[in-house]
Amino acid sequence: MQQNYARIQAAGAELIAISSDNAGDTRQTVQNHGLKFPVLADNDKEAITAYNVIDPGNNRIARPAAYIVRKGGAIAWKSLDAKAARVPTAEILTELGKL
């Protein structure tokens, strides 16, 4: 995602990641990987639960998922697969282009 962050922004979108780690660990991850997009800590798993992305094999973490949320809050597209694989940025950009 980091490599294509500028392309996501150029498509008129913003990338926000949500981590199930605490705030300190999340900040460390951002620093270690030089992430430029916002990464939110959701240690209580409120957003992760609301978006139904709790990992079925490990309820302490989120499974990989991607959502495109319209400005009003409606979900325009989502990728929520049972397999533990990140959604390719190309797929997200394709879906953004359809909006």
PDB file of N, CA and C in Angstrom:
ATOM      1  N   MET A   1       0.820  -1.182   0.000  1.00  0.00           N
ATOM      2  CA  MET A   1       0.000   0.000   0.000  1.00  0.00           C
ATOM      3  C   MET A   1       0.870   1.255   0.000  1.00  0.00           C
ATOM      4  N   GLN A   2       1.948   1.211   0.777  1.00  0.00           N
ATOM      5  CA  GLN A   2       2.811   2.389   0.859  1.00  0.00           C
ATOM      6  C   GLN A   2       3.328   2.783  -0.521  1.00  0.00           C
ATOM      7  N   GLN A   3       3.722   1.796  -1.323  1.00  0.00           N
ATOM      8  CA  GLN A   3       4.276   2.089  -2.646  1.00  0.00           C
ATOM      9  C   GLN A   3       3.257   2.753  -3.563  1.00  0.00           C
ATOM     10  N   ASN A   4       1.989   2.502  -3.349  1.00  0.00           N
ATOM     11  CA  ASN A   4       0.945   3.040  -4.215  1.00  0.00           C
ATOM     12  C   ASN A   4       0.080   4.097  -3.534  1.00  0.00           C
ATOM     13  N   TYR A   5       0.537   4.592  -2.404  1.00  0.00           N
ATOM     14  CA  TYR A   5      -0.245   5.579  -1.660  1.00  0.00           C
ATOM     15  C   TYR A   5      -0.527   6.820  -2.501  1.00  0.00           C
ATOM     16  N   ALA A   6       0.447   7.307  -3.230  1.00  0.00           N
ATOM     17  CA  ALA A   6       0.247   8.495  -4.079  1.00  0.00           C
ATOM     18  C   ALA A   6      -0.791   8.219  -5.165  1.00  0.00           C
ATOM     19  N   ARG A   7      -0.810   7.012  -5.700  1.00  0.00           N
ATOM     20  CA  ARG A   7      -1.803   6.663  -6.727  1.00  0.00           C
ATOM     21  C   ARG A   7      -3.211   6.626  -6.140  1.00  0.00           C
ATOM     22  N   ILE A   8      -3.328   6.160  -4.923  1.00  0.00           N
ATOM     23  CA  ILE A   8      -4.629   6.130  -4.249  1.00  0.00           C
ATOM     24  C   ILE A   8      -5.114   7.561  -4.027  1.00  0.00           C
ATOM     25  N   GLN A   9      -4.221   8.422  -3.563  1.00  0.00           N
ATOM     26  CA  GLN A   9      -4.590   9.818  -3.365  1.00  0.00           C
ATOM     27  C   GLN A   9      -4.927  10.504  -4.684  1.00  0.00           C
ATOM     28  N   ALA A  10      -4.187  10.181  -5.735  1.00  0.00           N
ATOM     29  CA  ALA A  10      -4.452  10.765  -7.051  1.00  0.00           C
ATOM     30  C   ALA A  10      -5.828  10.348  -7.582  1.00  0.00           C
ATOM     31  N   ALA A  11      -6.324   9.213  -7.101  1.00  0.00           N
ATOM     32  CA  ALA A  11      -7.656   8.752  -7.496  1.00  0.00           C
ATOM     33  C   ALA A  11      -8.740   9.437  -6.678  1.00  0.00           C
ATOM     34  N   GLY A  12      -8.337  10.378  -5.814  1.00  0.00           N
ATOM     35  CA  GLY A  12      -9.303  11.116  -5.004  1.00  0.00           C
ATOM     36  C   GLY A  12      -9.706  10.408  -3.727  1.00  0.00           C
ATOM     37  N   ALA A  13      -8.877   9.492  -3.286  1.00  0.00           N
ATOM     38  CA  ALA A  13      -9.203   8.700  -2.098  1.00  0.00           C
ATOM     39  C   ALA A  13      -8.130   8.891  -1.034  1.00  0.00           C
ATOM     40  N   GLU A  14      -8.420   8.401   0.146  1.00  0.00           N
ATOM     41  CA  GLU A  14      -7.464   8.402   1.245  1.00  0.00           C
ATOM     42  C   GLU A  14      -7.358   6.982   1.767  1.00  0.00           C
ATOM     43  N   LEU A  15      -6.170   6.580   2.117  1.00  0.00           N
ATOM     44  CA  LEU A  15      -5.903   5.262   2.676  1.00  0.00           C
ATOM     45  C   LEU A  15      -5.750   5.405   4.176  1.00  0.00           C
ATOM     46  N   ILE A  16      -6.492   4.610   4.916  1.00  0.00           N
ATOM     47  CA  ILE A  16      -6.377   4.574   6.366  1.00  0.00           C
ATOM     48  C   ILE A  16      -6.310   3.109   6.772  1.00  0.00           C
ATOM     49  N   ALA A  17      -5.291   2.760   7.522  1.00  0.00           N
ATOM     50  CA  ALA A  17      -5.158   1.390   8.018  1.00  0.00           C
ATOM     51  C   ALA A  17      -5.591   1.359   9.477  1.00  0.00           C
ATOM     52  N   ILE A  18      -6.099   0.228   9.899  1.00  0.00           N
ATOM     53  CA  ILE A  18      -6.506   0.046  11.290  1.00  0.00           C
ATOM     54  C   ILE A  18      -5.800  -1.195  11.823  1.00  0.00           C
ATOM     55  N   SER A  19      -5.123  -1.020  12.943  1.00  0.00           N
ATOM     56  CA  SER A  19      -4.361  -2.101  13.571  1.00  0.00           C
ATOM     57  C   SER A  19      -5.030  -2.515  14.872  1.00  0.00           C
ATOM     58  N   SER A  20      -4.951  -3.782  15.179  1.00  0.00           N
ATOM     59  CA  SER A  20      -5.479  -4.259  16.463  1.00  0.00           C
ATOM     60  C   SER A  20      -4.455  -4.099  17.584  1.00  0.00           C
ATOM     61  N   ASP A  21      -3.286  -3.567  17.258  1.00  0.00           N
ATOM     62  CA  ASP A  21      -2.252  -3.327  18.267  1.00  0.00           C
ATOM     63  C   ASP A  21      -2.589  -2.095  19.101  1.00  0.00           C
ATOM     64  N   ASN A  22      -1.901  -1.951  20.212  1.00  0.00           N
ATOM     65  CA  ASN A  22      -2.085  -0.737  21.020  1.00  0.00           C
ATOM     66  C   ASN A  22      -1.410   0.446  20.320  1.00  0.00           C
ATOM     67  N   ALA A  23      -1.653   1.646  20.823  1.00  0.00           N
ATOM     68  CA  ALA A  23      -1.160   2.862  20.171  1.00  0.00           C
ATOM     69  C   ALA A  23       0.367   2.884  20.058  1.00  0.00           C
ATOM     70  N   GLY A  24       1.063   2.456  21.104  1.00  0.00           N
ATOM     71  CA  GLY A  24       2.521   2.455  21.069  1.00  0.00           C
ATOM     72  C   GLY A  24       3.083   1.511  20.015  1.00  0.00           C
ATOM     73  N   ASP A  25       2.546   0.305  19.960  1.00  0.00           N
ATOM     74  CA  ASP A  25       3.003  -0.665  18.963  1.00  0.00           C
ATOM     75  C   ASP A  25       2.649  -0.206  17.549  1.00  0.00           C
ATOM     76  N   THR A  26       1.485   0.417  17.406  1.00  0.00           N
ATOM     77  CA  THR A  26       1.080   0.920  16.092  1.00  0.00           C
ATOM     78  C   THR A  26       2.035   2.017  15.628  1.00  0.00           C
ATOM     79  N   ARG A  27       2.376   2.950  16.519  1.00  0.00           N
ATOM     80  CA  ARG A  27       3.342   4.014  16.178  1.00  0.00           C
ATOM     81  C   ARG A  27       4.687   3.405  15.775  1.00  0.00           C
ATOM     82  N   GLN A  28       5.107   2.381  16.494  1.00  0.00           N
ATOM     83  CA  GLN A  28       6.381   1.728  16.185  1.00  0.00           C
ATOM     84  C   GLN A  28       6.342   1.089  14.796  1.00  0.00           C
ATOM     85  N   THR A  29       5.247   0.453  14.455  1.00  0.00           N
ATOM     86  CA  THR A  29       5.096  -0.147  13.127  1.00  0.00           C
ATOM     87  C   THR A  29       5.175   0.925  12.044  1.00  0.00           C
ATOM     88  N   VAL A  30       4.486   2.044  12.263  1.00  0.00           N
ATOM     89  CA  VAL A  30       4.511   3.148  11.296  1.00  0.00           C
ATOM     90  C   VAL A  30       5.937   3.645  11.110  1.00  0.00           C
ATOM     91  N   GLN A  31       6.647   3.832  12.203  1.00  0.00           N
ATOM     92  CA  GLN A  31       8.030   4.311  12.123  1.00  0.00           C
ATOM     93  C   GLN A  31       8.945   3.284  11.469  1.00  0.00           C
ATOM     94  N   ASN A  32       8.833   2.034  11.864  1.00  0.00           N
ATOM     95  CA  ASN A  32       9.704   0.978  11.324  1.00  0.00           C
ATOM     96  C   ASN A  32       9.552   0.808   9.821  1.00  0.00           C
ATOM     97  N   HIS A  33       8.344   1.010   9.325  1.00  0.00           N
ATOM     98  CA  HIS A  33       8.084   0.800   7.900  1.00  0.00           C
ATOM     99  C   HIS A  33       8.002   2.104   7.117  1.00  0.00           C
ATOM    100  N   GLY A  34       8.178   3.238   7.780  1.00  0.00           N
ATOM    101  CA  GLY A  34       8.144   4.531   7.098  1.00  0.00           C
ATOM    102  C   GLY A  34       6.806   4.815   6.431  1.00  0.00           C
ATOM    103  N   LEU A  35       5.729   4.399   7.082  1.00  0.00           N
ATOM    104  CA  LEU A  35       4.405   4.561   6.477  1.00  0.00           C
ATOM    105  C   LEU A  35       4.001   6.029   6.455  1.00  0.00           C
ATOM    106  N   LYS A  36       3.449   6.468   5.341  1.00  0.00           N
ATOM    107  CA  LYS A  36       3.021   7.854   5.173  1.00  0.00           C
ATOM    108  C   LYS A  36       1.514   8.013   5.350  1.00  0.00           C
ATOM    109  N   PHE A  37       0.780   6.919   5.288  1.00  0.00           N
ATOM    110  CA  PHE A  37      -0.667   6.985   5.456  1.00  0.00           C
ATOM    111  C   PHE A  37      -1.017   6.777   6.925  1.00  0.00           C
ATOM    112  N   PRO A  38      -2.187   7.282   7.338  1.00  0.00           N
ATOM    113  CA  PRO A  38      -2.583   7.124   8.748  1.00  0.00           C
ATOM    114  C   PRO A  38      -2.830   5.660   9.112  1.00  0.00           C
ATOM    115  N   VAL A  39      -2.342   5.282  10.268  1.00  0.00           N
ATOM    116  CA  VAL A  39      -2.603   3.952  10.811  1.00  0.00           C
ATOM    117  C   VAL A  39      -3.198   4.164  12.196  1.00  0.00           C
ATOM    118  N   LEU A  40      -4.411   3.720  12.378  1.00  0.00           N
ATOM    119  CA  LEU A  40      -5.128   3.913  13.633  1.00  0.00           C
ATOM    120  C   LEU A  40      -4.999   2.671  14.514  1.00  0.00           C
ATOM    121  N   ALA A  41      -4.856   2.887  15.800  1.00  0.00           N
ATOM    122  CA  ALA A  41      -4.795   1.783  16.763  1.00  0.00           C
ATOM    123  C   ALA A  41      -6.210   1.479  17.240  1.00  0.00           C
ATOM    124  N   ASP A  42      -6.582   0.214  17.169  1.00  0.00           N
ATOM    125  CA  ASP A  42      -7.913  -0.231  17.615  1.00  0.00           C
ATOM    126  C   ASP A  42      -7.734  -1.413  18.556  1.00  0.00           C
ATOM    127  N   ASN A  43      -7.022  -1.165  19.637  1.00  0.00           N
ATOM    128  CA  ASN A  43      -6.712  -2.220  20.597  1.00  0.00           C
ATOM    129  C   ASN A  43      -7.971  -2.853  21.186  1.00  0.00           C
ATOM    130  N   ASP A  44      -9.054  -2.082  21.306  1.00  0.00           N
ATOM    131  CA  ASP A  44     -10.323  -2.615  21.823  1.00  0.00           C
ATOM    132  C   ASP A  44     -11.129  -3.317  20.727  1.00  0.00           C
ATOM    133  N   LYS A  45     -10.644  -3.233  19.499  1.00  0.00           N
ATOM    134  CA  LYS A  45     -11.238  -3.905  18.333  1.00  0.00           C
ATOM    135  C   LYS A  45     -12.668  -3.439  18.030  1.00  0.00           C
ATOM    136  N   GLU A  46     -12.976  -2.187  18.319  1.00  0.00           N
ATOM    137  CA  GLU A  46     -14.309  -1.657  18.043  1.00  0.00           C
ATOM    138  C   GLU A  46     -14.557  -1.534  16.543  1.00  0.00           C
ATOM    139  N   ALA A  47     -13.639  -0.894  15.815  1.00  0.00           N
ATOM    140  CA  ALA A  47     -13.807  -0.743  14.366  1.00  0.00           C
ATOM    141  C   ALA A  47     -13.640  -2.088  13.669  1.00  0.00           C
ATOM    142  N   ILE A  48     -12.681  -2.856  14.135  1.00  0.00           N
ATOM    143  CA  ILE A  48     -12.429  -4.170  13.535  1.00  0.00           C
ATOM    144  C   ILE A  48     -13.658  -5.063  13.669  1.00  0.00           C
ATOM    145  N   THR A  49     -14.326  -4.996  14.791  1.00  0.00           N
ATOM    146  CA  THR A  49     -15.558  -5.762  14.991  1.00  0.00           C
ATOM    147  C   THR A  49     -16.688  -5.190  14.140  1.00  0.00           C
ATOM    148  N   ALA A  50     -16.825  -3.869  14.115  1.00  0.00           N
ATOM    149  CA  ALA A  50     -17.906  -3.225  13.347  1.00  0.00           C
ATOM    150  C   ALA A  50     -17.809  -3.549  11.857  1.00  0.00           C
ATOM    151  N   TYR A  51     -16.594  -3.662  11.347  1.00  0.00           N
ATOM    152  CA  TYR A  51     -16.401  -3.973   9.929  1.00  0.00           C
ATOM    153  C   TYR A  51     -16.254  -5.473   9.672  1.00  0.00           C
ATOM    154  N   ASN A  52     -16.473  -6.279  10.703  1.00  0.00           N
ATOM    155  CA  ASN A  52     -16.471  -7.738  10.581  1.00  0.00           C
ATOM    156  C   ASN A  52     -15.152  -8.290  10.033  1.00  0.00           C
ATOM    157  N   VAL A  53     -14.043  -7.790  10.565  1.00  0.00           N
ATOM    158  CA  VAL A  53     -12.754  -8.276  10.083  1.00  0.00           C
ATOM    159  C   VAL A  53     -11.925  -8.985  11.158  1.00  0.00           C
ATOM    160  N   ILE A  54     -12.566  -9.417  12.232  1.00  0.00           N
ATOM    161  CA  ILE A  54     -11.851 -10.245  13.214  1.00  0.00           C
ATOM    162  C   ILE A  54     -11.406 -11.523  12.501  1.00  0.00           C
ATOM    163  N   ASP A  55     -10.171 -11.879  12.684  1.00  0.00           N
ATOM    164  CA  ASP A  55      -9.644 -13.093  12.065  1.00  0.00           C
ATOM    165  C   ASP A  55     -10.330 -14.298  12.706  1.00  0.00           C
ATOM    166  N   PRO A  56     -10.976 -15.150  11.897  1.00  0.00           N
ATOM    167  CA  PRO A  56     -11.681 -16.294  12.481  1.00  0.00           C
ATOM    168  C   PRO A  56     -10.758 -17.292  13.182  1.00  0.00           C
ATOM    169  N   GLY A  57      -9.486 -17.314  12.823  1.00  0.00           N
ATOM    170  CA  GLY A  57      -8.542 -18.237  13.450  1.00  0.00           C
ATOM    171  C   GLY A  57      -7.816 -17.651  14.647  1.00  0.00           C
ATOM    172  N   ASN A  58      -7.919 -16.329  14.830  1.00  0.00           N
ATOM    173  CA  ASN A  58      -7.215 -15.662  15.933  1.00  0.00           C
ATOM    174  C   ASN A  58      -7.967 -14.378  16.251  1.00  0.00           C
ATOM    175  N   ASN A  59      -8.846 -14.416  17.245  1.00  0.00           N
ATOM    176  CA  ASN A  59      -9.715 -13.277  17.522  1.00  0.00           C
ATOM    177  C   ASN A  59      -8.994 -12.081  18.141  1.00  0.00           C
ATOM    178  N   ARG A  60      -7.674 -12.155  18.259  1.00  0.00           N
ATOM    179  CA  ARG A  60      -6.896 -11.021  18.764  1.00  0.00           C
ATOM    180  C   ARG A  60      -6.430 -10.097  17.647  1.00  0.00           C
ATOM    181  N   ILE A  61      -6.603 -10.518  16.393  1.00  0.00           N
ATOM    182  CA  ILE A  61      -6.118  -9.717  15.269  1.00  0.00           C
ATOM    183  C   ILE A  61      -7.199  -9.576  14.194  1.00  0.00           C
ATOM    184  N   ALA A  62      -6.960  -8.661  13.284  1.00  0.00           N
ATOM    185  CA  ALA A  62      -7.852  -8.479  12.141  1.00  0.00           C
ATOM    186  C   ALA A  62      -7.303  -9.264  10.955  1.00  0.00           C
ATOM    187  N   ARG A  63      -8.210  -9.728  10.119  1.00  0.00           N
ATOM    188  CA  ARG A  63      -7.772 -10.371   8.878  1.00  0.00           C
ATOM    189  C   ARG A  63      -7.635  -9.295   7.812  1.00  0.00           C
ATOM    190  N   PRO A  64      -6.843  -9.536   6.780  1.00  0.00           N
ATOM    191  CA  PRO A  64      -6.699  -8.547   5.717  1.00  0.00           C
ATOM    192  C   PRO A  64      -8.055  -8.259   5.062  1.00  0.00           C
ATOM    193  N   ALA A  65      -8.330  -6.990   4.895  1.00  0.00           N
ATOM    194  CA  ALA A  65      -9.579  -6.555   4.269  1.00  0.00           C
ATOM    195  C   ALA A  65      -9.359  -5.173   3.689  1.00  0.00           C
ATOM    196  N   ALA A  66     -10.189  -4.810   2.757  1.00  0.00           N
ATOM    197  CA  ALA A  66     -10.146  -3.462   2.184  1.00  0.00           C
ATOM    198  C   ALA A  66     -11.571  -2.994   1.974  1.00  0.00           C
ATOM    199  N   TYR A  67     -11.820  -1.759   2.326  1.00  0.00           N
ATOM    200  CA  TYR A  67     -13.128  -1.138   2.139  1.00  0.00           C
ATOM    201  C   TYR A  67     -12.937   0.187   1.431  1.00  0.00           C
ATOM    202  N   ILE A  68     -13.846   0.503   0.535  1.00  0.00           N
ATOM    203  CA  ILE A  68     -13.939   1.850  -0.012  1.00  0.00           C
ATOM    204  C   ILE A  68     -15.215   2.428   0.573  1.00  0.00           C
ATOM    205  N   VAL A  69     -15.039   3.489   1.345  1.00  0.00           N
ATOM    206  CA  VAL A  69     -16.156   4.112   2.048  1.00  0.00           C
ATOM    207  C   VAL A  69     -16.381   5.494   1.440  1.00  0.00           C
ATOM    208  N   ARG A  70     -17.619   5.742   1.030  1.00  0.00           N
ATOM    209  CA  ARG A  70     -17.949   7.055   0.468  1.00  0.00           C
ATOM    210  C   ARG A  70     -17.900   8.112   1.558  1.00  0.00           C
ATOM    211  N   LYS A  71     -17.807   9.377   1.153  1.00  0.00           N
ATOM    212  CA  LYS A  71     -17.723  10.472   2.115  1.00  0.00           C
ATOM    213  C   LYS A  71     -18.871  10.458   3.113  1.00  0.00           C
ATOM    214  N   GLY A  72     -20.055  10.055   2.706  1.00  0.00           N
ATOM    215  CA  GLY A  72     -21.196  10.007   3.612  1.00  0.00           C
ATOM    216  C   GLY A  72     -21.188   8.815   4.552  1.00  0.00           C
ATOM    217  N   GLY A  73     -20.242   7.897   4.361  1.00  0.00           N
ATOM    218  CA  GLY A  73     -20.117   6.748   5.247  1.00  0.00           C
ATOM    219  C   GLY A  73     -20.608   5.435   4.662  1.00  0.00           C
ATOM    220  N   ALA A  74     -21.249   5.480   3.499  1.00  0.00           N
ATOM    221  CA  ALA A  74     -21.740   4.241   2.877  1.00  0.00           C
ATOM    222  C   ALA A  74     -20.571   3.451   2.288  1.00  0.00           C
ATOM    223  N   ILE A  75     -20.630   2.145   2.439  1.00  0.00           N
ATOM    224  CA  ILE A  75     -19.594   1.284   1.872  1.00  0.00           C
ATOM    225  C   ILE A  75     -19.876   1.108   0.386  1.00  0.00           C
ATOM    226  N   ALA A  76     -18.916   1.526  -0.447  1.00  0.00           N
ATOM    227  CA  ALA A  76     -19.062   1.429  -1.893  1.00  0.00           C
ATOM    228  C   ALA A  76     -18.520   0.106  -2.424  1.00  0.00           C
ATOM    229  N   TRP A  77     -17.533  -0.470  -1.729  1.00  0.00           N
ATOM    230  CA  TRP A  77     -16.902  -1.712  -2.167  1.00  0.00           C
ATOM    231  C   TRP A  77     -16.141  -2.295  -0.987  1.00  0.00           C
ATOM    232  N   LYS A  78     -16.053  -3.615  -0.964  1.00  0.00           N
ATOM    233  CA  LYS A  78     -15.224  -4.250   0.065  1.00  0.00           C
ATOM    234  C   LYS A  78     -14.634  -5.537  -0.457  1.00  0.00           C
ATOM    235  N   SER A  79     -13.508  -5.880   0.097  1.00  0.00           N
ATOM    236  CA  SER A  79     -12.869  -7.159  -0.163  1.00  0.00           C
ATOM    237  C   SER A  79     -12.611  -7.782   1.198  1.00  0.00           C
ATOM    238  N   LEU A  80     -13.358  -8.793   1.487  1.00  0.00           N
ATOM    239  CA  LEU A  80     -13.268  -9.467   2.777  1.00  0.00           C
ATOM    240  C   LEU A  80     -13.265 -10.961   2.490  1.00  0.00           C
ATOM    241  N   ASP A  81     -12.084 -11.502   2.398  1.00  0.00           N
ATOM    242  CA  ASP A  81     -11.920 -12.886   1.998  1.00  0.00           C
ATOM    243  C   ASP A  81     -11.456 -13.712   3.187  1.00  0.00           C
ATOM    244  N   ALA A  82     -11.781 -14.964   3.183  1.00  0.00           N
ATOM    245  CA  ALA A  82     -11.374 -15.847   4.273  1.00  0.00           C
ATOM    246  C   ALA A  82      -9.876 -16.112   4.258  1.00  0.00           C
ATOM    247  N   LYS A  83      -9.239 -15.987   3.096  1.00  0.00           N
ATOM    248  CA  LYS A  83      -7.807 -16.246   3.032  1.00  0.00           C
ATOM    249  C   LYS A  83      -7.027 -15.053   3.583  1.00  0.00           C
ATOM    250  N   ALA A  84      -5.897 -15.317   4.149  1.00  0.00           N
ATOM    251  CA  ALA A  84      -5.083 -14.269   4.773  1.00  0.00           C
ATOM    252  C   ALA A  84      -4.154 -13.647   3.740  1.00  0.00           C
ATOM    253  N   ALA A  85      -4.719 -12.925   2.790  1.00  0.00           N
ATOM    254  CA  ALA A  85      -3.917 -12.280   1.748  1.00  0.00           C
ATOM    255  C   ALA A  85      -4.360 -10.832   1.592  1.00  0.00           C
ATOM    256  N   ARG A  86      -3.409  -9.967   1.431  1.00  0.00           N
ATOM    257  CA  ARG A  86      -3.715  -8.550   1.237  1.00  0.00           C
ATOM    258  C   ARG A  86      -4.321  -8.336  -0.148  1.00  0.00           C
ATOM    259  N   VAL A  87      -5.217  -7.384  -0.217  1.00  0.00           N
ATOM    260  CA  VAL A  87      -5.854  -7.042  -1.483  1.00  0.00           C
ATOM    261  C   VAL A  87      -4.844  -6.265  -2.329  1.00  0.00           C
ATOM    262  N   PRO A  88      -4.631  -6.670  -3.577  1.00  0.00           N
ATOM    263  CA  PRO A  88      -3.687  -5.926  -4.420  1.00  0.00           C
ATOM    264  C   PRO A  88      -4.166  -4.487  -4.639  1.00  0.00           C
ATOM    265  N   THR A  89      -3.238  -3.554  -4.567  1.00  0.00           N
ATOM    266  CA  THR A  89      -3.579  -2.148  -4.763  1.00  0.00           C
ATOM    267  C   THR A  89      -4.208  -1.928  -6.136  1.00  0.00           C
ATOM    268  N   ALA A  90      -3.773  -2.664  -7.138  1.00  0.00           N
ATOM    269  CA  ALA A  90      -4.345  -2.525  -8.477  1.00  0.00           C
ATOM    270  C   ALA A  90      -5.852  -2.786  -8.454  1.00  0.00           C
ATOM    271  N   GLU A  91      -6.267  -3.751  -7.676  1.00  0.00           N
ATOM    272  CA  GLU A  91      -7.694  -4.051  -7.568  1.00  0.00           C
ATOM    273  C   GLU A  91      -8.443  -2.892  -6.905  1.00  0.00           C
ATOM    274  N   ILE A  92      -7.851  -2.325  -5.883  1.00  0.00           N
ATOM    275  CA  ILE A  92      -8.490  -1.187  -5.193  1.00  0.00           C
ATOM    276  C   ILE A  92      -8.578   0.000  -6.151  1.00  0.00           C
ATOM    277  N   LEU A  93      -7.519   0.269  -6.900  1.00  0.00           N
ATOM    278  CA  LEU A  93      -7.533   1.380  -7.859  1.00  0.00           C
ATOM    279  C   LEU A  93      -8.576   1.158  -8.948  1.00  0.00           C
ATOM    280  N   THR A  94      -8.735  -0.076  -9.392  1.00  0.00           N
ATOM    281  CA  THR A  94      -9.774  -0.398 -10.376  1.00  0.00           C
ATOM    282  C   THR A  94     -11.143  -0.070  -9.825  1.00  0.00           C
ATOM    283  N   GLU A  95     -11.392  -0.470  -8.594  1.00  0.00           N
ATOM    284  CA  GLU A  95     -12.705  -0.200  -7.973  1.00  0.00           C
ATOM    285  C   GLU A  95     -12.923   1.298  -7.746  1.00  0.00           C
ATOM    286  N   LEU A  96     -11.875   2.019  -7.377  1.00  0.00           N
ATOM    287  CA  LEU A  96     -11.991   3.466  -7.225  1.00  0.00           C
ATOM    288  C   LEU A  96     -12.347   4.117  -8.555  1.00  0.00           C
ATOM    289  N   GLY A  97     -11.796   3.595  -9.646  1.00  0.00           N
ATOM    290  CA  GLY A  97     -12.076   4.129 -10.974  1.00  0.00           C
ATOM    291  C   GLY A  97     -13.511   3.934 -11.413  1.00  0.00           C
ATOM    292  N   LYS A  98     -14.199   2.988 -10.810  1.00  0.00           N
ATOM    293  CA  LYS A  98     -15.598   2.724 -11.160  1.00  0.00           C
ATOM    294  C   LYS A  98     -16.563   3.688 -10.479  1.00  0.00           C
ATOM    295  N   LEU A  99     -16.095   4.413  -9.473  1.00  0.00           N
ATOM    296  CA  LEU A  99     -16.972   5.306  -8.720  1.00  0.00           C
ATOM    297  C   LEU A  99     -17.177   6.624  -9.447  1.00  0.00           C
TER     298      LEU A  99
END
